[in-house]
Amino acid sequence: MRDRDRPARILVTGFPAFPGAPDNPTEWLMGALAGWRPAGADLATAVLPVDFIAAPSVLEAIGADYQPDIAIHFGLALAAKGFRLERLAKNRCYSSTPDNRGEVRSDDPIVAGASDCVATLPLDMIAERLALADLPVEWSDDAGGYLCNHVMFHALSDRVAKDYSPAMAGFVHVPLLERMRGEGQGDCVTLTESQLLPGAQIVIGSALTAYRSESPEKG
């Protein structure tokens, strides 16, 4: 049963630059969120390595030390048209883009015999609150085959990270920040810093509301 006399522990993560993306808005976001504490919660941020091997190990270490109740992972999707709410983490790795160690994964399962995983964040509430704040939001059932899906699967599956098992977890893709737009990206949707930060805070606040409103029997 959850200890409701202590603040909920929330972990929020992003990624640094990776091949094909020399700037990553989620790395900026982690710095912008540092020091912000939602009412009734402790918040920790981390920038995960773009590394198929190291990222899960970092999550395990965070889980053993911090033991988050809620984990919200953010990543960059150049084609995102706003806050892209990921509903499903697939048990597959497939990407022609190497990680930051140069490793490429073919279409292989992350864990043999494991099922795909459904996000446990309150996505309907998040979408509604983002829309009310006039922030763009979209839905996705495919988090891709790169590190974003890899991390989302590790956050949700009980078959991989024994020391990392948040009660509520999920993944949100975001587009580039406007100031990061480069040549050849004139048609891509971007966000400003004054959209990305409050939007992320809405995501976090919605998750906290849902977590606190769930009956103790579920925790």
N, C-alpha and C. Protein backbone atom coordinates (compact mmCIF):
# COMPACT_ATOMS: atom_id res chain seq x y z
N MET A 1 0.84 -1.19 0.00
CA MET A 1 0.00 0.00 0.00
C MET A 1 0.88 1.25 0.00
N ARG A 2 0.44 2.27 -0.71
CA ARG A 2 1.26 3.48 -0.79
C ARG A 2 1.24 4.25 0.51
N ASP A 3 2.36 4.85 0.83
CA ASP A 3 2.48 5.73 1.98
C ASP A 3 2.03 7.12 1.56
N ARG A 4 0.80 7.46 1.89
CA ARG A 4 0.26 8.75 1.46
C ARG A 4 0.63 9.89 2.40
N ASP A 5 1.42 9.58 3.42
CA ASP A 5 1.89 10.63 4.31
C ASP A 5 3.19 11.26 3.82
N ARG A 6 3.77 10.70 2.78
CA ARG A 6 5.00 11.28 2.22
C ARG A 6 4.71 11.83 0.83
N PRO A 7 5.51 12.78 0.38
CA PRO A 7 5.32 13.30 -0.99
C PRO A 7 5.51 12.20 -2.02
N ALA A 8 4.73 12.26 -3.08
CA ALA A 8 4.94 11.35 -4.20
C ALA A 8 6.28 11.66 -4.85
N ARG A 9 6.98 10.63 -5.27
CA ARG A 9 8.27 10.82 -5.94
C ARG A 9 8.06 10.71 -7.45
N ILE A 10 8.42 11.77 -8.15
CA ILE A 10 8.23 11.83 -9.59
C ILE A 10 9.59 11.94 -10.26
N LEU A 11 9.83 11.06 -11.22
CA LEU A 11 11.04 11.13 -12.03
C LEU A 11 10.65 11.60 -13.44
N VAL A 12 11.36 12.60 -13.93
CA VAL A 12 11.15 13.10 -15.29
C VAL A 12 12.49 13.03 -16.01
N THR A 13 12.50 12.44 -17.21
CA THR A 13 13.76 12.29 -17.93
C THR A 13 13.67 12.85 -19.35
N GLY A 14 14.82 13.16 -19.89
CA GLY A 14 14.96 13.56 -21.28
C GLY A 14 16.21 12.92 -21.84
N PHE A 15 16.59 13.35 -23.04
CA PHE A 15 17.77 12.81 -23.72
C PHE A 15 18.64 13.96 -24.23
N PRO A 16 19.94 13.70 -24.44
CA PRO A 16 20.81 14.68 -25.09
C PRO A 16 20.71 14.55 -26.60
N ALA A 17 21.57 15.26 -27.30
CA ALA A 17 21.64 15.16 -28.75
C ALA A 17 21.98 13.74 -29.17
N PHE A 18 21.57 13.38 -30.38
CA PHE A 18 21.88 12.06 -30.93
C PHE A 18 22.04 12.19 -32.43
N PRO A 19 22.54 11.18 -33.13
CA PRO A 19 22.76 11.30 -34.57
C PRO A 19 21.49 11.74 -35.31
N GLY A 20 21.63 12.82 -36.06
CA GLY A 20 20.49 13.38 -36.78
C GLY A 20 19.76 14.46 -36.01
N ALA A 21 20.10 14.66 -34.75
CA ALA A 21 19.46 15.68 -33.92
C ALA A 21 20.51 16.35 -33.06
N PRO A 22 21.19 17.37 -33.59
CA PRO A 22 22.26 18.02 -32.85
C PRO A 22 21.78 18.82 -31.64
N ASP A 23 20.47 19.08 -31.57
CA ASP A 23 19.88 19.74 -30.40
C ASP A 23 18.70 18.91 -29.94
N ASN A 24 18.55 18.78 -28.64
CA ASN A 24 17.43 18.02 -28.10
C ASN A 24 16.69 18.88 -27.08
N PRO A 25 15.43 19.23 -27.37
CA PRO A 25 14.70 20.11 -26.45
C PRO A 25 14.45 19.47 -25.09
N THR A 26 14.48 18.14 -25.02
CA THR A 26 14.20 17.52 -23.73
C THR A 26 15.38 17.66 -22.77
N GLU A 27 16.58 17.83 -23.30
CA GLU A 27 17.71 18.11 -22.42
C GLU A 27 17.55 19.51 -21.81
N TRP A 28 17.15 20.48 -22.64
CA TRP A 28 16.85 21.82 -22.11
C TRP A 28 15.75 21.75 -21.07
N LEU A 29 14.72 20.94 -21.35
CA LEU A 29 13.58 20.84 -20.45
C LEU A 29 13.99 20.34 -19.07
N MET A 30 14.91 19.38 -19.01
CA MET A 30 15.33 18.87 -17.71
C MET A 30 15.96 19.98 -16.87
N GLY A 31 16.75 20.83 -17.51
CA GLY A 31 17.32 21.95 -16.79
C GLY A 31 16.27 22.95 -16.34
N ALA A 32 15.27 23.18 -17.21
CA ALA A 32 14.22 24.14 -16.89
C ALA A 32 13.35 23.65 -15.74
N LEU A 33 13.19 22.33 -15.61
CA LEU A 33 12.36 21.77 -14.54
C LEU A 33 13.11 21.63 -13.23
N ALA A 34 14.42 21.65 -13.27
CA ALA A 34 15.21 21.47 -12.06
C ALA A 34 14.86 22.55 -11.04
N GLY A 35 14.59 22.14 -9.85
CA GLY A 35 14.25 23.09 -8.80
C GLY A 35 12.77 23.35 -8.66
N TRP A 36 11.96 22.91 -9.64
CA TRP A 36 10.51 23.07 -9.54
C TRP A 36 9.94 21.91 -8.75
N ARG A 37 9.10 22.19 -7.79
CA ARG A 37 8.51 21.13 -6.98
C ARG A 37 6.99 21.28 -7.00
N PRO A 38 6.29 20.35 -7.63
CA PRO A 38 4.83 20.38 -7.58
C PRO A 38 4.35 20.19 -6.14
N ALA A 39 3.22 20.77 -5.80
CA ALA A 39 2.68 20.63 -4.45
C ALA A 39 2.43 19.17 -4.15
N GLY A 40 2.93 18.72 -3.03
CA GLY A 40 2.69 17.35 -2.60
C GLY A 40 3.58 16.32 -3.27
N ALA A 41 4.69 16.76 -3.83
CA ALA A 41 5.55 15.81 -4.54
C ALA A 41 7.00 16.24 -4.48
N ASP A 42 7.88 15.27 -4.63
CA ASP A 42 9.30 15.52 -4.89
C ASP A 42 9.55 15.23 -6.35
N LEU A 43 10.35 16.05 -7.00
CA LEU A 43 10.62 15.89 -8.43
C LEU A 43 12.11 15.74 -8.66
N ALA A 44 12.48 14.69 -9.39
CA ALA A 44 13.86 14.48 -9.80
C ALA A 44 13.91 14.44 -11.32
N THR A 45 14.96 15.02 -11.89
CA THR A 45 15.13 15.00 -13.34
C THR A 45 16.44 14.30 -13.68
N ALA A 46 16.47 13.73 -14.88
CA ALA A 46 17.69 13.07 -15.34
C ALA A 46 17.73 13.12 -16.86
N VAL A 47 18.94 13.26 -17.40
CA VAL A 47 19.17 13.15 -18.84
C VAL A 47 19.76 11.76 -19.08
N LEU A 48 19.00 10.91 -19.77
CA LEU A 48 19.42 9.54 -19.99
C LEU A 48 20.37 9.46 -21.17
N PRO A 49 21.32 8.56 -21.14
CA PRO A 49 22.22 8.40 -22.29
C PRO A 49 21.48 7.80 -23.48
N VAL A 50 21.83 8.25 -24.68
CA VAL A 50 21.28 7.66 -25.90
C VAL A 50 22.13 6.44 -26.20
N ASP A 51 21.83 5.39 -25.48
CA ASP A 51 22.69 4.20 -25.47
C ASP A 51 21.80 3.01 -25.10
N PHE A 52 21.67 2.05 -26.00
CA PHE A 52 20.78 0.93 -25.77
C PHE A 52 21.16 0.13 -24.53
N ILE A 53 22.45 0.08 -24.22
CA ILE A 53 22.90 -0.69 -23.07
C ILE A 53 22.88 0.14 -21.79
N ALA A 54 23.38 1.37 -21.87
CA ALA A 54 23.54 2.18 -20.66
C ALA A 54 22.23 2.73 -20.13
N ALA A 55 21.29 3.10 -21.01
CA ALA A 55 20.05 3.73 -20.54
C ALA A 55 19.30 2.86 -19.54
N PRO A 56 19.07 1.57 -19.83
CA PRO A 56 18.39 0.74 -18.83
C PRO A 56 19.16 0.63 -17.51
N SER A 57 20.49 0.59 -17.60
CA SER A 57 21.30 0.52 -16.38
C SER A 57 21.13 1.77 -15.53
N VAL A 58 21.06 2.93 -16.20
CA VAL A 58 20.84 4.18 -15.47
C VAL A 58 19.48 4.16 -14.80
N LEU A 59 18.45 3.68 -15.51
CA LEU A 59 17.12 3.60 -14.91
C LEU A 59 17.12 2.67 -13.69
N GLU A 60 17.81 1.55 -13.80
CA GLU A 60 17.90 0.64 -12.66
C GLU A 60 18.54 1.32 -11.45
N ALA A 61 19.61 2.07 -11.70
CA ALA A 61 20.30 2.76 -10.61
C ALA A 61 19.41 3.82 -9.98
N ILE A 62 18.69 4.56 -10.82
CA ILE A 62 17.75 5.57 -10.30
C ILE A 62 16.66 4.89 -9.49
N GLY A 63 16.15 3.78 -10.02
CA GLY A 63 15.10 3.07 -9.30
C GLY A 63 15.55 2.58 -7.94
N ALA A 64 16.76 2.04 -7.87
CA ALA A 64 17.27 1.53 -6.61
C ALA A 64 17.47 2.65 -5.59
N ASP A 65 17.84 3.84 -6.09
CA ASP A 65 18.14 4.96 -5.19
C ASP A 65 16.90 5.81 -4.89
N TYR A 66 16.16 6.19 -5.92
CA TYR A 66 15.07 7.16 -5.77
C TYR A 66 13.71 6.48 -5.62
N GLN A 67 13.52 5.33 -6.25
CA GLN A 67 12.26 4.59 -6.20
C GLN A 67 11.06 5.47 -6.56
N PRO A 68 11.01 5.95 -7.80
CA PRO A 68 9.92 6.86 -8.18
C PRO A 68 8.57 6.16 -8.18
N ASP A 69 7.55 6.91 -7.78
CA ASP A 69 6.17 6.45 -7.89
C ASP A 69 5.64 6.69 -9.30
N ILE A 70 6.10 7.79 -9.89
CA ILE A 70 5.66 8.20 -11.23
C ILE A 70 6.90 8.45 -12.07
N ALA A 71 6.92 7.93 -13.29
CA ALA A 71 8.02 8.19 -14.21
C ALA A 71 7.45 8.71 -15.52
N ILE A 72 7.92 9.89 -15.92
CA ILE A 72 7.48 10.51 -17.16
C ILE A 72 8.72 10.76 -18.01
N HIS A 73 8.80 10.07 -19.12
CA HIS A 73 9.96 10.16 -19.99
C HIS A 73 9.61 11.00 -21.22
N PHE A 74 10.45 11.98 -21.50
CA PHE A 74 10.27 12.85 -22.66
C PHE A 74 11.36 12.56 -23.69
N GLY A 75 11.00 12.67 -24.97
CA GLY A 75 11.96 12.50 -26.04
C GLY A 75 11.59 13.34 -27.24
N LEU A 76 12.53 13.48 -28.15
CA LEU A 76 12.34 14.28 -29.35
C LEU A 76 11.83 13.43 -30.50
N ALA A 77 10.80 13.93 -31.18
CA ALA A 77 10.35 13.36 -32.46
C ALA A 77 10.22 14.53 -33.43
N LEU A 78 11.08 14.56 -34.43
CA LEU A 78 11.10 15.70 -35.34
C LEU A 78 9.76 15.88 -36.06
N ALA A 79 9.01 14.79 -36.23
CA ALA A 79 7.73 14.87 -36.94
C ALA A 79 6.55 15.15 -36.01
N ALA A 80 6.79 15.26 -34.72
CA ALA A 80 5.69 15.51 -33.79
C ALA A 80 5.07 16.88 -34.08
N LYS A 81 3.77 16.95 -33.92
CA LYS A 81 3.04 18.20 -34.16
C LYS A 81 2.62 18.85 -32.85
N GLY A 82 3.24 18.47 -31.79
CA GLY A 82 2.93 18.99 -30.47
C GLY A 82 3.36 17.98 -29.44
N PHE A 83 2.64 17.92 -28.32
CA PHE A 83 2.90 16.93 -27.29
C PHE A 83 2.28 15.61 -27.76
N ARG A 84 3.13 14.67 -28.15
CA ARG A 84 2.66 13.40 -28.68
C ARG A 84 2.60 12.38 -27.54
N LEU A 85 1.41 11.99 -27.19
CA LEU A 85 1.19 11.08 -26.07
C LEU A 85 1.27 9.64 -26.56
N GLU A 86 2.25 8.92 -26.06
CA GLU A 86 2.48 7.55 -26.50
C GLU A 86 1.65 6.59 -25.65
N ARG A 87 0.85 5.77 -26.33
CA ARG A 87 -0.01 4.84 -25.63
C ARG A 87 0.60 3.45 -25.46
N LEU A 88 1.58 3.12 -26.31
CA LEU A 88 2.06 1.73 -26.34
C LEU A 88 3.57 1.68 -26.48
N ALA A 89 4.19 0.84 -25.67
CA ALA A 89 5.62 0.53 -25.81
C ALA A 89 5.73 -0.87 -26.39
N LYS A 90 6.36 -0.98 -27.55
CA LYS A 90 6.47 -2.27 -28.21
C LYS A 90 7.74 -3.00 -27.79
N ASN A 91 7.63 -4.30 -27.74
CA ASN A 91 8.78 -5.13 -27.37
C ASN A 91 9.64 -5.39 -28.61
N ARG A 92 10.08 -4.30 -29.23
CA ARG A 92 10.92 -4.40 -30.42
C ARG A 92 11.94 -3.27 -30.42
N CYS A 93 13.11 -3.54 -30.96
CA CYS A 93 14.11 -2.52 -31.26
C CYS A 93 14.41 -2.57 -32.75
N TYR A 94 14.21 -1.48 -33.44
CA TYR A 94 14.52 -1.45 -34.87
C TYR A 94 14.79 0.00 -35.24
N SER A 95 15.98 0.27 -35.70
CA SER A 95 16.32 1.63 -36.09
C SER A 95 17.60 1.62 -36.90
N SER A 96 17.60 2.36 -37.99
CA SER A 96 18.82 2.51 -38.78
C SER A 96 19.72 3.61 -38.20
N THR A 97 19.19 4.36 -37.23
CA THR A 97 19.98 5.40 -36.58
C THR A 97 20.78 4.78 -35.44
N PRO A 98 22.08 4.94 -35.42
CA PRO A 98 22.87 4.38 -34.32
C PRO A 98 22.66 5.17 -33.03
N ASP A 99 22.89 4.51 -31.91
CA ASP A 99 22.89 5.25 -30.66
C ASP A 99 24.21 6.01 -30.55
N ASN A 100 24.44 6.67 -29.44
CA ASN A 100 25.63 7.51 -29.34
C ASN A 100 26.92 6.71 -29.13
N ARG A 101 26.81 5.39 -29.04
CA ARG A 101 27.99 4.53 -29.06
C ARG A 101 28.21 3.94 -30.44
N GLY A 102 27.27 4.19 -31.36
CA GLY A 102 27.39 3.67 -32.70
C GLY A 102 26.65 2.37 -32.93
N GLU A 103 25.91 1.90 -31.92
CA GLU A 103 25.21 0.62 -32.06
C GLU A 103 23.88 0.80 -32.79
N VAL A 104 23.59 -0.10 -33.70
CA VAL A 104 22.32 -0.13 -34.41
C VAL A 104 21.60 -1.41 -34.03
N ARG A 105 20.31 -1.34 -33.78
CA ARG A 105 19.52 -2.51 -33.43
C ARG A 105 18.65 -2.91 -34.62
N SER A 106 18.59 -4.21 -34.88
CA SER A 106 17.70 -4.72 -35.92
C SER A 106 16.34 -5.01 -35.28
N ASP A 107 15.44 -5.60 -36.04
CA ASP A 107 14.09 -5.83 -35.55
C ASP A 107 14.07 -7.04 -34.62
N ASP A 108 14.53 -6.82 -33.40
CA ASP A 108 14.62 -7.89 -32.41
C ASP A 108 13.81 -7.52 -31.17
N PRO A 109 13.30 -8.52 -30.46
CA PRO A 109 12.58 -8.21 -29.21
C PRO A 109 13.54 -7.67 -28.16
N ILE A 110 13.03 -6.79 -27.32
CA ILE A 110 13.83 -6.31 -26.20
C ILE A 110 13.99 -7.41 -25.16
N VAL A 111 12.90 -8.10 -24.90
CA VAL A 111 12.89 -9.24 -23.99
C VAL A 111 12.12 -10.36 -24.66
N ALA A 112 12.75 -11.49 -24.87
CA ALA A 112 12.10 -12.61 -25.55
C ALA A 112 10.85 -13.05 -24.79
N GLY A 113 9.74 -13.13 -25.52
CA GLY A 113 8.50 -13.63 -24.95
C GLY A 113 7.68 -12.63 -24.18
N ALA A 114 8.18 -11.41 -24.02
CA ALA A 114 7.43 -10.39 -23.27
C ALA A 114 6.38 -9.73 -24.17
N SER A 115 5.33 -9.23 -23.56
CA SER A 115 4.27 -8.55 -24.29
C SER A 115 4.56 -7.07 -24.43
N ASP A 116 3.90 -6.43 -25.39
CA ASP A 116 3.94 -4.98 -25.47
C ASP A 116 3.29 -4.41 -24.20
N CYS A 117 3.60 -3.15 -23.90
CA CYS A 117 3.14 -2.54 -22.65
C CYS A 117 2.33 -1.28 -22.93
N VAL A 118 1.26 -1.11 -22.18
CA VAL A 118 0.39 0.06 -22.32
C VAL A 118 0.79 1.11 -21.28
N ALA A 119 0.86 2.36 -21.70
CA ALA A 119 1.21 3.45 -20.78
C ALA A 119 0.20 3.53 -19.64
N THR A 120 0.68 3.87 -18.48
CA THR A 120 -0.19 3.98 -17.31
C THR A 120 -0.38 5.42 -16.85
N LEU A 121 0.12 6.38 -17.62
CA LEU A 121 -0.17 7.79 -17.33
C LEU A 121 -1.64 8.08 -17.65
N PRO A 122 -2.22 9.09 -17.03
CA PRO A 122 -3.61 9.46 -17.31
C PRO A 122 -3.69 10.27 -18.61
N LEU A 123 -3.57 9.60 -19.74
CA LEU A 123 -3.41 10.29 -21.01
C LEU A 123 -4.62 11.13 -21.40
N ASP A 124 -5.81 10.66 -21.10
CA ASP A 124 -7.00 11.45 -21.43
C ASP A 124 -7.01 12.77 -20.67
N MET A 125 -6.69 12.71 -19.39
CA MET A 125 -6.63 13.93 -18.59
C MET A 125 -5.54 14.86 -19.10
N ILE A 126 -4.39 14.30 -19.43
CA ILE A 126 -3.29 15.11 -19.94
C ILE A 126 -3.70 15.82 -21.23
N ALA A 127 -4.31 15.06 -22.15
CA ALA A 127 -4.72 15.64 -23.42
C ALA A 127 -5.72 16.75 -23.22
N GLU A 128 -6.67 16.54 -22.34
CA GLU A 128 -7.69 17.56 -22.08
C GLU A 128 -7.08 18.83 -21.50
N ARG A 129 -6.18 18.67 -20.56
CA ARG A 129 -5.58 19.85 -19.91
C ARG A 129 -4.64 20.59 -20.87
N LEU A 130 -3.92 19.86 -21.70
CA LEU A 130 -3.07 20.53 -22.70
C LEU A 130 -3.93 21.32 -23.68
N ALA A 131 -5.03 20.72 -24.11
CA ALA A 131 -5.91 21.42 -25.06
C ALA A 131 -6.53 22.66 -24.41
N LEU A 132 -6.90 22.56 -23.15
CA LEU A 132 -7.46 23.72 -22.45
C LEU A 132 -6.44 24.85 -22.33
N ALA A 133 -5.17 24.49 -22.29
CA ALA A 133 -4.10 25.49 -22.23
C ALA A 133 -3.69 25.96 -23.62
N ASP A 134 -4.43 25.53 -24.63
CA ASP A 134 -4.17 25.90 -26.03
C ASP A 134 -2.79 25.43 -26.48
N LEU A 135 -2.42 24.23 -26.05
CA LEU A 135 -1.16 23.63 -26.46
C LEU A 135 -1.46 22.45 -27.38
N PRO A 136 -0.67 22.27 -28.44
CA PRO A 136 -0.95 21.20 -29.41
C PRO A 136 -0.68 19.83 -28.81
N VAL A 137 -1.58 18.89 -29.10
CA VAL A 137 -1.45 17.54 -28.57
C VAL A 137 -1.87 16.55 -29.64
N GLU A 138 -1.21 15.40 -29.68
CA GLU A 138 -1.58 14.34 -30.60
C GLU A 138 -1.34 13.00 -29.93
N TRP A 139 -1.87 11.93 -30.56
CA TRP A 139 -1.81 10.60 -30.00
C TRP A 139 -0.94 9.69 -30.87
N SER A 140 -0.37 8.67 -30.25
CA SER A 140 0.45 7.73 -30.99
C SER A 140 0.40 6.35 -30.34
N ASP A 141 0.36 5.32 -31.17
CA ASP A 141 0.47 3.94 -30.71
C ASP A 141 1.80 3.32 -31.14
N ASP A 142 2.74 4.15 -31.53
CA ASP A 142 4.03 3.66 -31.99
C ASP A 142 5.12 4.64 -31.57
N ALA A 143 5.84 4.29 -30.51
CA ALA A 143 6.91 5.15 -30.00
C ALA A 143 8.21 4.98 -30.77
N GLY A 144 8.16 4.21 -31.88
CA GLY A 144 9.34 4.03 -32.71
C GLY A 144 10.18 2.85 -32.26
N GLY A 145 11.32 2.67 -32.91
CA GLY A 145 12.19 1.55 -32.58
C GLY A 145 13.52 1.98 -32.00
N TYR A 146 13.59 3.24 -31.57
CA TYR A 146 14.86 3.80 -31.10
C TYR A 146 14.84 3.85 -29.57
N LEU A 147 15.62 4.72 -28.97
CA LEU A 147 15.76 4.76 -27.52
C LEU A 147 14.48 5.15 -26.81
N CYS A 148 13.62 5.93 -27.45
CA CYS A 148 12.39 6.37 -26.79
C CYS A 148 11.52 5.17 -26.44
N ASN A 149 11.25 4.33 -27.42
CA ASN A 149 10.47 3.13 -27.16
C ASN A 149 11.21 2.20 -26.20
N HIS A 150 12.52 2.12 -26.35
CA HIS A 150 13.34 1.25 -25.51
C HIS A 150 13.18 1.63 -24.04
N VAL A 151 13.28 2.92 -23.74
CA VAL A 151 13.14 3.39 -22.37
C VAL A 151 11.70 3.23 -21.88
N MET A 152 10.73 3.54 -22.73
CA MET A 152 9.33 3.39 -22.34
C MET A 152 9.02 1.95 -21.97
N PHE A 153 9.52 1.01 -22.77
CA PHE A 153 9.28 -0.40 -22.48
C PHE A 153 9.90 -0.79 -21.14
N HIS A 154 11.10 -0.32 -20.88
CA HIS A 154 11.77 -0.66 -19.61
C HIS A 154 11.03 -0.05 -18.42
N ALA A 155 10.38 1.09 -18.62
CA ALA A 155 9.64 1.72 -17.52
C ALA A 155 8.35 0.98 -17.20
N LEU A 156 7.80 0.28 -18.20
CA LEU A 156 6.47 -0.32 -18.04
C LEU A 156 6.49 -1.83 -17.86
N SER A 157 7.50 -2.49 -18.35
CA SER A 157 7.52 -3.95 -18.30
C SER A 157 8.05 -4.46 -16.97
N ASP A 158 7.41 -5.49 -16.45
CA ASP A 158 7.91 -6.11 -15.23
C ASP A 158 8.90 -7.23 -15.53
N ARG A 159 9.31 -7.32 -16.81
CA ARG A 159 10.20 -8.39 -17.22
C ARG A 159 11.66 -7.95 -17.35
N VAL A 160 11.94 -6.68 -17.12
CA VAL A 160 13.30 -6.22 -17.40
C VAL A 160 14.01 -5.60 -16.19
N ALA A 161 13.50 -4.53 -15.68
CA ALA A 161 14.23 -3.77 -14.66
C ALA A 161 13.63 -4.02 -13.28
N LYS A 162 14.20 -4.97 -12.53
CA LYS A 162 13.63 -5.33 -11.23
C LYS A 162 13.69 -4.19 -10.24
N ASP A 163 14.64 -3.28 -10.38
CA ASP A 163 14.76 -2.16 -9.45
C ASP A 163 14.12 -0.88 -9.98
N TYR A 164 13.41 -0.99 -11.09
CA TYR A 164 12.76 0.19 -11.65
C TYR A 164 11.33 -0.17 -11.99
N SER A 165 10.42 0.13 -11.09
CA SER A 165 9.03 -0.26 -11.28
C SER A 165 8.08 0.81 -10.76
N PRO A 166 8.06 2.00 -11.39
CA PRO A 166 7.13 3.04 -10.97
C PRO A 166 5.68 2.57 -11.11
N ALA A 167 4.82 3.03 -10.21
CA ALA A 167 3.41 2.65 -10.27
C ALA A 167 2.73 3.24 -11.49
N MET A 168 3.23 4.34 -11.98
CA MET A 168 2.64 5.03 -13.13
C MET A 168 3.78 5.50 -14.03
N ALA A 169 3.69 5.22 -15.32
CA ALA A 169 4.79 5.58 -16.22
C ALA A 169 4.29 5.75 -17.64
N GLY A 170 5.06 6.50 -18.41
CA GLY A 170 4.72 6.68 -19.81
C GLY A 170 5.73 7.57 -20.51
N PHE A 171 5.44 7.86 -21.77
CA PHE A 171 6.38 8.59 -22.61
C PHE A 171 5.64 9.66 -23.40
N VAL A 172 6.29 10.82 -23.53
CA VAL A 172 5.74 11.94 -24.31
C VAL A 172 6.81 12.42 -25.27
N HIS A 173 6.51 12.39 -26.56
CA HIS A 173 7.40 12.98 -27.56
C HIS A 173 7.05 14.45 -27.76
N VAL A 174 8.07 15.24 -28.03
CA VAL A 174 7.87 16.66 -28.34
C VAL A 174 8.69 17.02 -29.57
N PRO A 175 8.29 18.07 -30.29
CA PRO A 175 9.08 18.52 -31.43
C PRO A 175 10.24 19.41 -30.98
N LEU A 176 10.98 19.92 -31.95
CA LEU A 176 12.06 20.85 -31.66
C LEU A 176 11.54 22.15 -31.05
N LEU A 177 12.40 22.82 -30.32
CA LEU A 177 12.13 24.20 -29.95
C LEU A 177 12.31 25.08 -31.18
N GLU A 178 11.58 26.16 -31.23
CA GLU A 178 11.64 27.06 -32.38
C GLU A 178 13.07 27.51 -32.65
N ARG A 179 13.82 27.82 -31.61
CA ARG A 179 15.19 28.32 -31.80
C ARG A 179 16.15 27.23 -32.28
N MET A 180 15.71 25.97 -32.24
CA MET A 180 16.56 24.86 -32.69
C MET A 180 16.30 24.48 -34.13
N ARG A 181 15.32 25.10 -34.76
CA ARG A 181 14.99 24.75 -36.14
C ARG A 181 16.18 25.04 -37.04
N GLY A 182 16.54 24.06 -37.85
CA GLY A 182 17.69 24.22 -38.74
C GLY A 182 17.29 24.26 -40.19
N GLU A 183 18.28 24.33 -41.05
CA GLU A 183 18.02 24.35 -42.48
C GLU A 183 17.35 23.04 -42.91
N GLY A 184 16.40 23.15 -43.81
CA GLY A 184 15.68 21.99 -44.28
C GLY A 184 14.55 21.55 -43.36
N GLN A 185 14.34 22.29 -42.27
CA GLN A 185 13.27 21.95 -41.33
C GLN A 185 12.21 23.04 -41.28
N GLY A 186 12.08 23.75 -42.38
CA GLY A 186 11.16 24.88 -42.40
C GLY A 186 9.72 24.51 -42.21
N ASP A 187 9.33 23.28 -42.57
CA ASP A 187 7.94 22.87 -42.47
C ASP A 187 7.61 22.14 -41.18
N CYS A 188 8.61 21.86 -40.36
CA CYS A 188 8.33 21.09 -39.15
C CYS A 188 7.68 21.97 -38.09
N VAL A 189 6.83 21.35 -37.30
CA VAL A 189 6.19 22.04 -36.19
C VAL A 189 7.20 22.19 -35.05
N THR A 190 7.19 23.33 -34.40
CA THR A 190 8.08 23.56 -33.27
C THR A 190 7.29 24.11 -32.09
N LEU A 191 7.91 24.10 -30.94
CA LEU A 191 7.35 24.73 -29.75
C LEU A 191 8.31 25.81 -29.27
N THR A 192 7.81 26.78 -28.57
CA THR A 192 8.65 27.75 -27.90
C THR A 192 8.94 27.25 -26.49
N GLU A 193 9.93 27.83 -25.87
CA GLU A 193 10.23 27.46 -24.50
C GLU A 193 9.03 27.76 -23.58
N SER A 194 8.30 28.84 -23.89
CA SER A 194 7.14 29.20 -23.08
C SER A 194 5.94 28.29 -23.33
N GLN A 195 6.05 27.38 -24.30
CA GLN A 195 5.04 26.33 -24.48
C GLN A 195 5.51 25.01 -23.90
N LEU A 196 6.77 24.67 -24.14
CA LEU A 196 7.28 23.37 -23.72
C LEU A 196 7.29 23.23 -22.21
N LEU A 197 7.79 24.22 -21.50
CA LEU A 197 7.88 24.10 -20.05
C LEU A 197 6.51 24.00 -19.39
N PRO A 198 5.59 24.91 -19.62
CA PRO A 198 4.27 24.76 -18.98
C PRO A 198 3.53 23.52 -19.43
N GLY A 199 3.74 23.11 -20.70
CA GLY A 199 3.11 21.89 -21.16
C GLY A 199 3.61 20.68 -20.38
N ALA A 200 4.92 20.62 -20.17
CA ALA A 200 5.49 19.52 -19.39
C ALA A 200 4.97 19.56 -17.95
N GLN A 201 4.82 20.75 -17.40
CA GLN A 201 4.29 20.87 -16.04
C GLN A 201 2.84 20.40 -15.97
N ILE A 202 2.08 20.61 -17.05
CA ILE A 202 0.71 20.10 -17.10
C ILE A 202 0.73 18.57 -17.11
N VAL A 203 1.62 17.99 -17.90
CA VAL A 203 1.74 16.53 -17.94
C VAL A 203 2.06 15.99 -16.54
N ILE A 204 3.02 16.60 -15.89
CA ILE A 204 3.44 16.15 -14.57
C ILE A 204 2.31 16.34 -13.55
N GLY A 205 1.69 17.52 -13.57
CA GLY A 205 0.62 17.79 -12.63
C GLY A 205 -0.57 16.87 -12.81
N SER A 206 -0.89 16.52 -14.05
CA SER A 206 -2.00 15.61 -14.32
C SER A 206 -1.70 14.22 -13.76
N ALA A 207 -0.47 13.76 -13.98
CA ALA A 207 -0.08 12.46 -13.45
C ALA A 207 -0.16 12.43 -11.93
N LEU A 208 0.27 13.50 -11.30
CA LEU A 208 0.22 13.57 -9.84
C LEU A 208 -1.22 13.56 -9.35
N THR A 209 -2.10 14.31 -10.02
CA THR A 209 -3.51 14.31 -9.65
C THR A 209 -4.10 12.91 -9.72
N ALA A 210 -3.83 12.22 -10.83
CA ALA A 210 -4.36 10.86 -11.00
C ALA A 210 -3.78 9.90 -9.98
N TYR A 211 -2.51 10.03 -9.71
CA TYR A 211 -1.86 9.14 -8.74
C TYR A 211 -2.46 9.32 -7.35
N ARG A 212 -2.67 10.55 -6.97
CA ARG A 212 -3.21 10.83 -5.64
C ARG A 212 -4.68 10.45 -5.53
N SER A 213 -5.41 10.43 -6.63
CA SER A 213 -6.84 10.14 -6.57
C SER A 213 -7.15 8.66 -6.62
N GLU A 214 -6.17 7.85 -7.00
CA GLU A 214 -6.42 6.41 -7.05
C GLU A 214 -6.61 5.86 -5.64
N SER A 215 -7.47 4.85 -5.52
CA SER A 215 -7.75 4.27 -4.22
C SER A 215 -6.52 3.54 -3.69
N PRO A 216 -6.34 3.51 -2.36
CA PRO A 216 -5.18 2.83 -1.81
C PRO A 216 -5.08 1.37 -2.22
N GLU A 217 -6.23 0.74 -2.47
CA GLU A 217 -6.20 -0.68 -2.84
C GLU A 217 -5.46 -0.93 -4.14
N LYS A 218 -5.32 0.14 -4.98
CA LYS A 218 -4.61 -0.03 -6.25
C LYS A 218 -3.13 0.15 -6.10
N GLY A 219 -2.68 0.57 -4.97
CA GLY A 219 -1.27 0.82 -4.80
C GLY A 219 -0.65 -0.05 -3.74
